[in-house]
């Protein structure tokens, strides 16, 4: 009886799903099925939107289609896995062994071949949820670590050199975006799209001001091993400094 109760609690503890599916009909059917099963479902159709949704909603599980329109699902999976430690399920039309292996190497926990019924997907999610909760009782320990910066996405906490630093919600999302793309230039267009949900008009300086304030906060805590650099005419990049 106790074991059965613990199992139900483990499943119920995971209650939110980010659904990344380009096919509107499949997405609607799956969303409805999961909501009837008690899950909260956040839905997006593209990879770039998914990254913003991850930071905004902090879901417990991710279900993604292999055929996204704007980017490679494997690329997205690897990017999410750099800071998300919950279960990731991939849905694909490809039955090949190579694609299965590639998905798991990118960080997926499960791979189902379409067509697959919502009931089967739900059953797999519940199995993933039980394993996930059994292995990860304290989700606030999940972290993204780059140099002397440590972020705890689920706890919304940032530390520099072991010292906690207060960041606004936007600053935290901005830093999480940078740390999830170490060594990659993030254009202003992309930052505006992901964090503000609109296009960059070429004149606005909202992000520039936020970056400046973020730098000041991090530097005040003695950040030395990482730096946010301006790439003139393009955007920003977070780099780890090489030891002298």
C-alpha atoms as a PDB file:
ATOM      1  CA  UNK A   1       0.000   0.000   0.000  1.00  0.00           C
ATOM      2  CA  UNK A   2       2.810   2.399   0.928  1.00  0.00           C
ATOM      3  CA  UNK A   3       4.716   1.542  -2.255  1.00  0.00           C
ATOM      4  CA  UNK A   4       1.597   2.138  -4.371  1.00  0.00           C
ATOM      5  CA  UNK A   5       1.010   5.505  -2.682  1.00  0.00           C
ATOM      6  CA  UNK A   6       4.626   6.566  -3.268  1.00  0.00           C
ATOM      7  CA  UNK A   7       4.317   5.607  -6.932  1.00  0.00           C
ATOM      8  CA  UNK A   8       1.216   7.780  -7.357  1.00  0.00           C
ATOM      9  CA  UNK A   9       2.952  10.674  -5.614  1.00  0.00           C
ATOM     10  CA  UNK A  10       5.977  10.322  -7.900  1.00  0.00           C
ATOM     11  CA  UNK A  11       3.796  10.563 -11.002  1.00  0.00           C
ATOM     12  CA  UNK A  12       1.700  13.425  -9.664  1.00  0.00           C
ATOM     13  CA  UNK A  13       4.821  15.389  -8.695  1.00  0.00           C
ATOM     14  CA  UNK A  14       5.645  15.849 -12.381  1.00  0.00           C
ATOM     15  CA  UNK A  15       2.746  17.881 -13.656  1.00  0.00           C
ATOM     16  CA  UNK A  16       3.866  20.171 -16.471  1.00  0.00           C
ATOM     17  CA  UNK A  17       4.899  19.329 -20.026  1.00  0.00           C
ATOM     18  CA  UNK A  18       6.407  21.459 -22.778  1.00  0.00           C
ATOM     19  CA  UNK A  19       5.050  20.131 -26.073  1.00  0.00           C
ATOM     20  CA  UNK A  20       7.114  21.103 -29.131  1.00  0.00           C
ATOM     21  CA  UNK A  21       5.174  19.861 -32.149  1.00  0.00           C
ATOM     22  CA  UNK A  22       4.932  21.452 -35.606  1.00  0.00           C
ATOM     23  CA  UNK A  23       1.831  19.508 -36.678  1.00  0.00           C
ATOM     24  CA  UNK A  24      -1.172  21.404 -35.302  1.00  0.00           C
ATOM     25  CA  UNK A  25      -3.530  18.419 -35.442  1.00  0.00           C
ATOM     26  CA  UNK A  26      -1.154  16.096 -33.589  1.00  0.00           C
ATOM     27  CA  UNK A  27      -0.330  18.829 -31.080  1.00  0.00           C
ATOM     28  CA  UNK A  28      -4.005  19.524 -30.369  1.00  0.00           C
ATOM     29  CA  UNK A  29      -4.823  15.835 -29.904  1.00  0.00           C
ATOM     30  CA  UNK A  30      -1.855  15.181 -27.641  1.00  0.00           C
ATOM     31  CA  UNK A  31      -2.377  18.365 -25.624  1.00  0.00           C
ATOM     32  CA  UNK A  32      -6.011  17.451 -24.984  1.00  0.00           C
ATOM     33  CA  UNK A  33      -5.088  13.909 -23.926  1.00  0.00           C
ATOM     34  CA  UNK A  34      -2.380  15.051 -21.515  1.00  0.00           C
ATOM     35  CA  UNK A  35      -4.581  17.734 -19.993  1.00  0.00           C
ATOM     36  CA  UNK A  36      -7.309  15.156 -19.372  1.00  0.00           C
ATOM     37  CA  UNK A  37      -4.673  13.073 -17.572  1.00  0.00           C
ATOM     38  CA  UNK A  38      -3.953  16.001 -15.247  1.00  0.00           C
ATOM     39  CA  UNK A  39      -0.871  17.533 -16.866  1.00  0.00           C
ATOM     40  CA  UNK A  40      -0.370  21.240 -17.457  1.00  0.00           C
ATOM     41  CA  UNK A  41       0.691  21.558 -21.101  1.00  0.00           C
ATOM     42  CA  UNK A  42       2.673  24.424 -22.606  1.00  0.00           C
ATOM     43  CA  UNK A  43       2.756  24.296 -26.382  1.00  0.00           C
ATOM     44  CA  UNK A  44       5.047  25.689 -29.054  1.00  0.00           C
ATOM     45  CA  UNK A  45       5.717  24.842 -32.693  1.00  0.00           C
ATOM     46  CA  UNK A  46       9.307  25.980 -33.181  1.00  0.00           C
ATOM     47  CA  UNK A  47      12.654  25.398 -31.550  1.00  0.00           C
ATOM     48  CA  UNK A  48      13.529  29.024 -30.857  1.00  0.00           C
ATOM     49  CA  UNK A  49      10.157  29.561 -29.197  1.00  0.00           C
ATOM     50  CA  UNK A  50      10.750  26.417 -27.145  1.00  0.00           C
ATOM     51  CA  UNK A  51      13.879  27.857 -25.539  1.00  0.00           C
ATOM     52  CA  UNK A  52      11.946  30.890 -24.358  1.00  0.00           C
ATOM     53  CA  UNK A  53       9.091  28.682 -23.136  1.00  0.00           C
ATOM     54  CA  UNK A  54      11.577  26.570 -21.166  1.00  0.00           C
ATOM     55  CA  UNK A  55      12.906  29.593 -19.328  1.00  0.00           C
ATOM     56  CA  UNK A  56       9.451  31.079 -18.790  1.00  0.00           C
ATOM     57  CA  UNK A  57       7.511  27.998 -17.656  1.00  0.00           C
ATOM     58  CA  UNK A  58      10.247  25.646 -16.361  1.00  0.00           C
ATOM     59  CA  UNK A  59       8.318  22.464 -17.250  1.00  0.00           C
ATOM     60  CA  UNK A  60       8.923  19.072 -15.685  1.00  0.00           C
ATOM     61  CA  UNK A  61       9.019  17.148 -18.976  1.00  0.00           C
ATOM     62  CA  UNK A  62       9.588  17.908 -22.651  1.00  0.00           C
ATOM     63  CA  UNK A  63       7.972  16.194 -25.642  1.00  0.00           C
ATOM     64  CA  UNK A  64       9.393  17.278 -28.998  1.00  0.00           C
ATOM     65  CA  UNK A  65       8.801  16.410 -32.628  1.00  0.00           C
ATOM     66  CA  UNK A  66      11.749  15.417 -34.798  1.00  0.00           C
ATOM     67  CA  UNK A  67      10.539  17.573 -37.702  1.00  0.00           C
ATOM     68  CA  UNK A  68      10.705  21.185 -36.558  1.00  0.00           C
ATOM     69  CA  UNK A  69      10.577  23.911 -39.179  1.00  0.00           C
ATOM     70  CA  UNK A  70      13.214  26.315 -37.884  1.00  0.00           C
ATOM     71  CA  UNK A  71      16.019  24.165 -36.498  1.00  0.00           C
ATOM     72  CA  UNK A  72      17.311  20.640 -35.995  1.00  0.00           C
ATOM     73  CA  UNK A  73      15.525  18.769 -33.218  1.00  0.00           C
ATOM     74  CA  UNK A  74      18.811  17.161 -32.215  1.00  0.00           C
ATOM     75  CA  UNK A  75      20.403  20.609 -31.932  1.00  0.00           C
ATOM     76  CA  UNK A  76      17.483  21.804 -29.817  1.00  0.00           C
ATOM     77  CA  UNK A  77      17.611  18.692 -27.647  1.00  0.00           C
ATOM     78  CA  UNK A  78      21.315  19.172 -26.950  1.00  0.00           C
ATOM     79  CA  UNK A  79      20.772  22.866 -26.213  1.00  0.00           C
ATOM     80  CA  UNK A  80      17.945  22.183 -23.747  1.00  0.00           C
ATOM     81  CA  UNK A  81      19.897  19.396 -22.108  1.00  0.00           C
ATOM     82  CA  UNK A  82      22.682  21.842 -21.255  1.00  0.00           C
ATOM     83  CA  UNK A  83      20.453  23.335 -18.553  1.00  0.00           C
ATOM     84  CA  UNK A  84      17.328  21.146 -18.329  1.00  0.00           C
ATOM     85  CA  UNK A  85      17.607  17.939 -16.322  1.00  0.00           C
ATOM     86  CA  UNK A  86      14.100  16.560 -16.662  1.00  0.00           C
ATOM     87  CA  UNK A  87      12.942  13.849 -19.091  1.00  0.00           C
ATOM     88  CA  UNK A  88      12.975  14.606 -22.822  1.00  0.00           C
ATOM     89  CA  UNK A  89      10.880  12.506 -25.204  1.00  0.00           C
ATOM     90  CA  UNK A  90      11.372  12.652 -28.975  1.00  0.00           C
ATOM     91  CA  UNK A  91       8.578  11.815 -31.442  1.00  0.00           C
ATOM     92  CA  UNK A  92       9.731  10.937 -34.947  1.00  0.00           C
ATOM     93  CA  UNK A  93       8.663   9.407 -38.258  1.00  0.00           C
ATOM     94  CA  UNK A  94      12.139   7.910 -38.641  1.00  0.00           C
ATOM     95  CA  UNK A  95      12.461   4.262 -37.592  1.00  0.00           C
ATOM     96  CA  UNK A  96      16.186   4.028 -38.330  1.00  0.00           C
ATOM     97  CA  UNK A  97      18.617   2.855 -35.689  1.00  0.00           C
ATOM     98  CA  UNK A  98      20.970   5.739 -36.492  1.00  0.00           C
ATOM     99  CA  UNK A  99      18.293   8.334 -35.715  1.00  0.00           C
ATOM    100  CA  UNK A 100      17.434   6.599 -32.444  1.00  0.00           C
ATOM    101  CA  UNK A 101      21.074   6.647 -31.381  1.00  0.00           C
ATOM    102  CA  UNK A 102      21.550  10.272 -32.456  1.00  0.00           C
ATOM    103  CA  UNK A 103      18.561  11.359 -30.365  1.00  0.00           C
ATOM    104  CA  UNK A 104      19.822   9.585 -27.250  1.00  0.00           C
ATOM    105  CA  UNK A 105      23.309  11.008 -27.761  1.00  0.00           C
ATOM    106  CA  UNK A 106      21.766  14.497 -27.969  1.00  0.00           C
ATOM    107  CA  UNK A 107      20.196  13.979 -24.548  1.00  0.00           C
ATOM    108  CA  UNK A 108      16.799  12.375 -25.163  1.00  0.00           C
ATOM    109  CA  UNK A 109      15.458   9.912 -22.587  1.00  0.00           C
ATOM    110  CA  UNK A 110      12.856   8.294 -24.828  1.00  0.00           C
ATOM    111  CA  UNK A 111      12.186   7.931 -28.559  1.00  0.00           C
ATOM    112  CA  UNK A 112       8.813   6.963 -30.025  1.00  0.00           C
ATOM    113  CA  UNK A 113       8.056   6.409 -33.705  1.00  0.00           C
ATOM    114  CA  UNK A 114       4.921   7.974 -35.187  1.00  0.00           C
ATOM    115  CA  UNK A 115       2.146   7.140 -35.551  1.00  0.00           C
ATOM    116  CA  UNK A 116       1.756   6.514 -31.834  1.00  0.00           C
ATOM    117  CA  UNK A 117      -1.383   6.917 -29.749  1.00  0.00           C
ATOM    118  CA  UNK A 118      -1.687   9.579 -27.037  1.00  0.00           C
ATOM    119  CA  UNK A 119      -2.311   6.757 -24.549  1.00  0.00           C
ATOM    120  CA  UNK A 120       1.097   5.211 -25.298  1.00  0.00           C
ATOM    121  CA  UNK A 121       2.803   8.599 -25.061  1.00  0.00           C
ATOM    122  CA  UNK A 122       1.099   9.238 -21.724  1.00  0.00           C
ATOM    123  CA  UNK A 123       2.180   5.825 -20.418  1.00  0.00           C
ATOM    124  CA  UNK A 124       5.789   6.509 -21.399  1.00  0.00           C
ATOM    125  CA  UNK A 125       5.673   9.936 -19.756  1.00  0.00           C
ATOM    126  CA  UNK A 126       4.389   8.434 -16.523  1.00  0.00           C
ATOM    127  CA  UNK A 127       7.207   5.870 -16.560  1.00  0.00           C
ATOM    128  CA  UNK A 128       9.755   8.626 -17.165  1.00  0.00           C
ATOM    129  CA  UNK A 129       8.182  10.682 -14.389  1.00  0.00           C
ATOM    130  CA  UNK A 130       8.495   7.882 -11.851  1.00  0.00           C
ATOM    131  CA  UNK A 131      12.167   7.290 -12.648  1.00  0.00           C
ATOM    132  CA  UNK A 132      12.879  11.004 -12.723  1.00  0.00           C
ATOM    133  CA  UNK A 133      11.303  11.682  -9.335  1.00  0.00           C
ATOM    134  CA  UNK A 134      12.910   8.651  -7.737  1.00  0.00           C
ATOM    135  CA  UNK A 135      16.359   9.785  -8.850  1.00  0.00           C
ATOM    136  CA  UNK A 136      15.926  13.525  -8.368  1.00  0.00           C
ATOM    137  CA  UNK A 137      14.103  14.353  -5.162  1.00  0.00           C
ATOM    138  CA  UNK A 138      15.675  17.790  -4.862  1.00  0.00           C
ATOM    139  CA  UNK A 139      15.213  19.521  -8.213  1.00  0.00           C
ATOM    140  CA  UNK A 140      16.642  22.799  -6.942  1.00  0.00           C
ATOM    141  CA  UNK A 141      20.127  21.226  -7.127  1.00  0.00           C
ATOM    142  CA  UNK A 142      20.065  21.190 -10.934  1.00  0.00           C
ATOM    143  CA  UNK A 143      22.565  23.694 -12.166  1.00  0.00           C
ATOM    144  CA  UNK A 144      24.243  25.266 -15.168  1.00  0.00           C
ATOM    145  CA  UNK A 145      27.893  26.000 -14.440  1.00  0.00           C
ATOM    146  CA  UNK A 146      30.154  28.114 -16.634  1.00  0.00           C
ATOM    147  CA  UNK A 147      33.429  29.294 -15.149  1.00  0.00           C
ATOM    148  CA  UNK A 148      32.646  31.051 -11.876  1.00  0.00           C
ATOM    149  CA  UNK A 149      28.929  31.409 -12.692  1.00  0.00           C
ATOM    150  CA  UNK A 150      26.468  28.826 -11.373  1.00  0.00           C
ATOM    151  CA  UNK A 151      22.761  29.009 -12.213  1.00  0.00           C
ATOM    152  CA  UNK A 152      19.994  26.940 -10.633  1.00  0.00           C
ATOM    153  CA  UNK A 153      17.165  27.313 -13.193  1.00  0.00           C
ATOM    154  CA  UNK A 154      14.449  25.628 -11.152  1.00  0.00           C
ATOM    155  CA  UNK A 155      15.287  27.576  -8.002  1.00  0.00           C
ATOM    156  CA  UNK A 156      15.891  30.786  -9.992  1.00  0.00           C
ATOM    157  CA  UNK A 157      19.192  31.297  -8.158  1.00  0.00           C
ATOM    158  CA  UNK A 158      22.515  32.654  -9.386  1.00  0.00           C
ATOM    159  CA  UNK A 159      25.904  32.364  -7.698  1.00  0.00           C
ATOM    160  CA  UNK A 160      29.229  33.934  -8.630  1.00  0.00           C
ATOM    161  CA  UNK A 161      32.300  32.606  -6.838  1.00  0.00           C
ATOM    162  CA  UNK A 162      29.955  30.872  -4.422  1.00  0.00           C
ATOM    163  CA  UNK A 163      28.128  34.089  -3.520  1.00  0.00           C
ATOM    164  CA  UNK A 164      24.415  34.445  -4.236  1.00  0.00           C
ATOM    165  CA  UNK A 165      23.515  37.387  -6.427  1.00  0.00           C
ATOM    166  CA  UNK A 166      20.074  38.912  -6.892  1.00  0.00           C
ATOM    167  CA  UNK A 167      18.919  39.098 -10.497  1.00  0.00           C
ATOM    168  CA  UNK A 168      15.629  40.272 -11.914  1.00  0.00           C
ATOM    169  CA  UNK A 169      13.541  37.722 -13.786  1.00  0.00           C
ATOM    170  CA  UNK A 170      14.684  39.162 -17.113  1.00  0.00           C
ATOM    171  CA  UNK A 171      18.349  39.286 -16.079  1.00  0.00           C
ATOM    172  CA  UNK A 172      18.195  35.653 -14.988  1.00  0.00           C
ATOM    173  CA  UNK A 173      16.662  34.569 -18.308  1.00  0.00           C
ATOM    174  CA  UNK A 174      19.230  36.620 -20.206  1.00  0.00           C
ATOM    175  CA  UNK A 175      22.129  35.064 -18.303  1.00  0.00           C
ATOM    176  CA  UNK A 176      20.642  31.584 -18.694  1.00  0.00           C
ATOM    177  CA  UNK A 177      20.393  32.156 -22.435  1.00  0.00           C
ATOM    178  CA  UNK A 178      24.039  33.259 -22.568  1.00  0.00           C
ATOM    179  CA  UNK A 179      25.323  30.374 -20.442  1.00  0.00           C
ATOM    180  CA  UNK A 180      23.356  27.915 -22.575  1.00  0.00           C
ATOM    181  CA  UNK A 181      25.178  29.203 -25.658  1.00  0.00           C
ATOM    182  CA  UNK A 182      28.771  29.550 -24.426  1.00  0.00           C
ATOM    183  CA  UNK A 183      31.122  30.593 -27.200  1.00  0.00           C
ATOM    184  CA  UNK A 184      28.269  31.382 -29.596  1.00  0.00           C
ATOM    185  CA  UNK A 185      27.294  34.857 -30.751  1.00  0.00           C
ATOM    186  CA  UNK A 186      23.722  35.723 -29.806  1.00  0.00           C
ATOM    187  CA  UNK A 187      22.481  38.402 -32.165  1.00  0.00           C
ATOM    188  CA  UNK A 188      20.236  41.171 -30.934  1.00  0.00           C
ATOM    189  CA  UNK A 189      17.558  39.846 -33.290  1.00  0.00           C
ATOM    190  CA  UNK A 190      17.648  36.458 -31.607  1.00  0.00           C
ATOM    191  CA  UNK A 191      17.708  37.849 -28.063  1.00  0.00           C
ATOM    192  CA  UNK A 192      14.764  40.145 -28.770  1.00  0.00           C
ATOM    193  CA  UNK A 193      12.823  37.281 -30.342  1.00  0.00           C
ATOM    194  CA  UNK A 194      13.491  34.815 -27.517  1.00  0.00           C
ATOM    195  CA  UNK A 195      13.216  37.080 -24.488  1.00  0.00           C
ATOM    196  CA  UNK A 196      10.937  39.899 -25.601  1.00  0.00           C
ATOM    197  CA  UNK A 197       8.884  38.129 -28.246  1.00  0.00           C
ATOM    198  CA  UNK A 198       9.385  40.815 -30.879  1.00  0.00           C
ATOM    199  CA  UNK A 199      11.754  41.803 -33.655  1.00  0.00           C
ATOM    200  CA  UNK A 200      14.716  44.088 -33.077  1.00  0.00           C
ATOM    201  CA  UNK A 201      14.131  47.392 -34.874  1.00  0.00           C
ATOM    202  CA  UNK A 202      17.806  48.259 -35.175  1.00  0.00           C
ATOM    203  CA  UNK A 203      17.568  51.287 -32.884  1.00  0.00           C
ATOM    204  CA  UNK A 204      16.245  50.145 -29.521  1.00  0.00           C
ATOM    205  CA  UNK A 205      18.827  49.743 -26.756  1.00  0.00           C
ATOM    206  CA  UNK A 206      16.817  47.776 -24.184  1.00  0.00           C
ATOM    207  CA  UNK A 207      19.043  44.700 -24.373  1.00  0.00           C
ATOM    208  CA  UNK A 208      22.240  46.780 -24.370  1.00  0.00           C
ATOM    209  CA  UNK A 209      21.176  48.456 -21.121  1.00  0.00           C
ATOM    210  CA  UNK A 210      20.219  45.114 -19.546  1.00  0.00           C
ATOM    211  CA  UNK A 211      23.546  43.578 -20.571  1.00  0.00           C
ATOM    212  CA  UNK A 212      25.421  46.505 -19.029  1.00  0.00           C
ATOM    213  CA  UNK A 213      23.565  46.143 -15.719  1.00  0.00           C
ATOM    214  CA  UNK A 214      24.097  42.383 -15.746  1.00  0.00           C
ATOM    215  CA  UNK A 215      27.830  42.841 -16.294  1.00  0.00           C
ATOM    216  CA  UNK A 216      28.007  45.276 -13.381  1.00  0.00           C
ATOM    217  CA  UNK A 217      26.225  42.867 -11.035  1.00  0.00           C
ATOM    218  CA  UNK A 218      28.430  39.932 -12.005  1.00  0.00           C
ATOM    219  CA  UNK A 219      31.630  41.979 -11.821  1.00  0.00           C
ATOM    220  CA  UNK A 220      30.707  43.310  -8.383  1.00  0.00           C
ATOM    221  CA  UNK A 221      30.843  39.721  -7.122  1.00  0.00           C
ATOM    222  CA  UNK A 222      34.309  39.204  -8.573  1.00  0.00           C
ATOM    223  CA  UNK A 223      33.501  37.369 -11.804  1.00  0.00           C
ATOM    224  CA  UNK A 224      36.872  36.543 -13.359  1.00  0.00           C
ATOM    225  CA  UNK A 225      36.608  33.254 -15.256  1.00  0.00           C
ATOM    226  CA  UNK A 226      33.841  34.328 -17.633  1.00  0.00           C
ATOM    227  CA  UNK A 227      33.024  37.477 -19.541  1.00  0.00           C
ATOM    228  CA  UNK A 228      30.145  38.845 -21.590  1.00  0.00           C
ATOM    229  CA  UNK A 229      31.676  40.367 -24.698  1.00  0.00           C
ATOM    230  CA  UNK A 230      30.105  42.712 -27.226  1.00  0.00           C
ATOM    231  CA  UNK A 231      30.408  41.610 -30.842  1.00  0.00           C
ATOM    232  CA  UNK A 232      30.079  44.923 -32.636  1.00  0.00           C
ATOM    233  CA  UNK A 233      27.333  45.052 -35.209  1.00  0.00           C
ATOM    234  CA  UNK A 234      25.978  41.658 -34.156  1.00  0.00           C
ATOM    235  CA  UNK A 235      25.253  41.060 -30.480  1.00  0.00           C
ATOM    236  CA  UNK A 236      26.842  39.381 -27.475  1.00  0.00           C
ATOM    237  CA  UNK A 237      28.816  36.290 -26.561  1.00  0.00           C
ATOM    238  CA  UNK A 238      29.666  34.651 -23.239  1.00  0.00           C
ATOM    239  CA  UNK A 239      33.202  33.270 -23.128  1.00  0.00           C
ATOM    240  CA  UNK A 240      35.267  31.484 -20.536  1.00  0.00           C
ATOM    241  CA  UNK A 241      38.586  33.178 -19.977  1.00  0.00           C
ATOM    242  CA  UNK A 242      41.655  31.048 -20.479  1.00  0.00           C
ATOM    243  CA  UNK A 243      44.005  30.729 -17.542  1.00  0.00           C
ATOM    244  CA  UNK A 244      47.172  32.769 -17.963  1.00  0.00           C
END
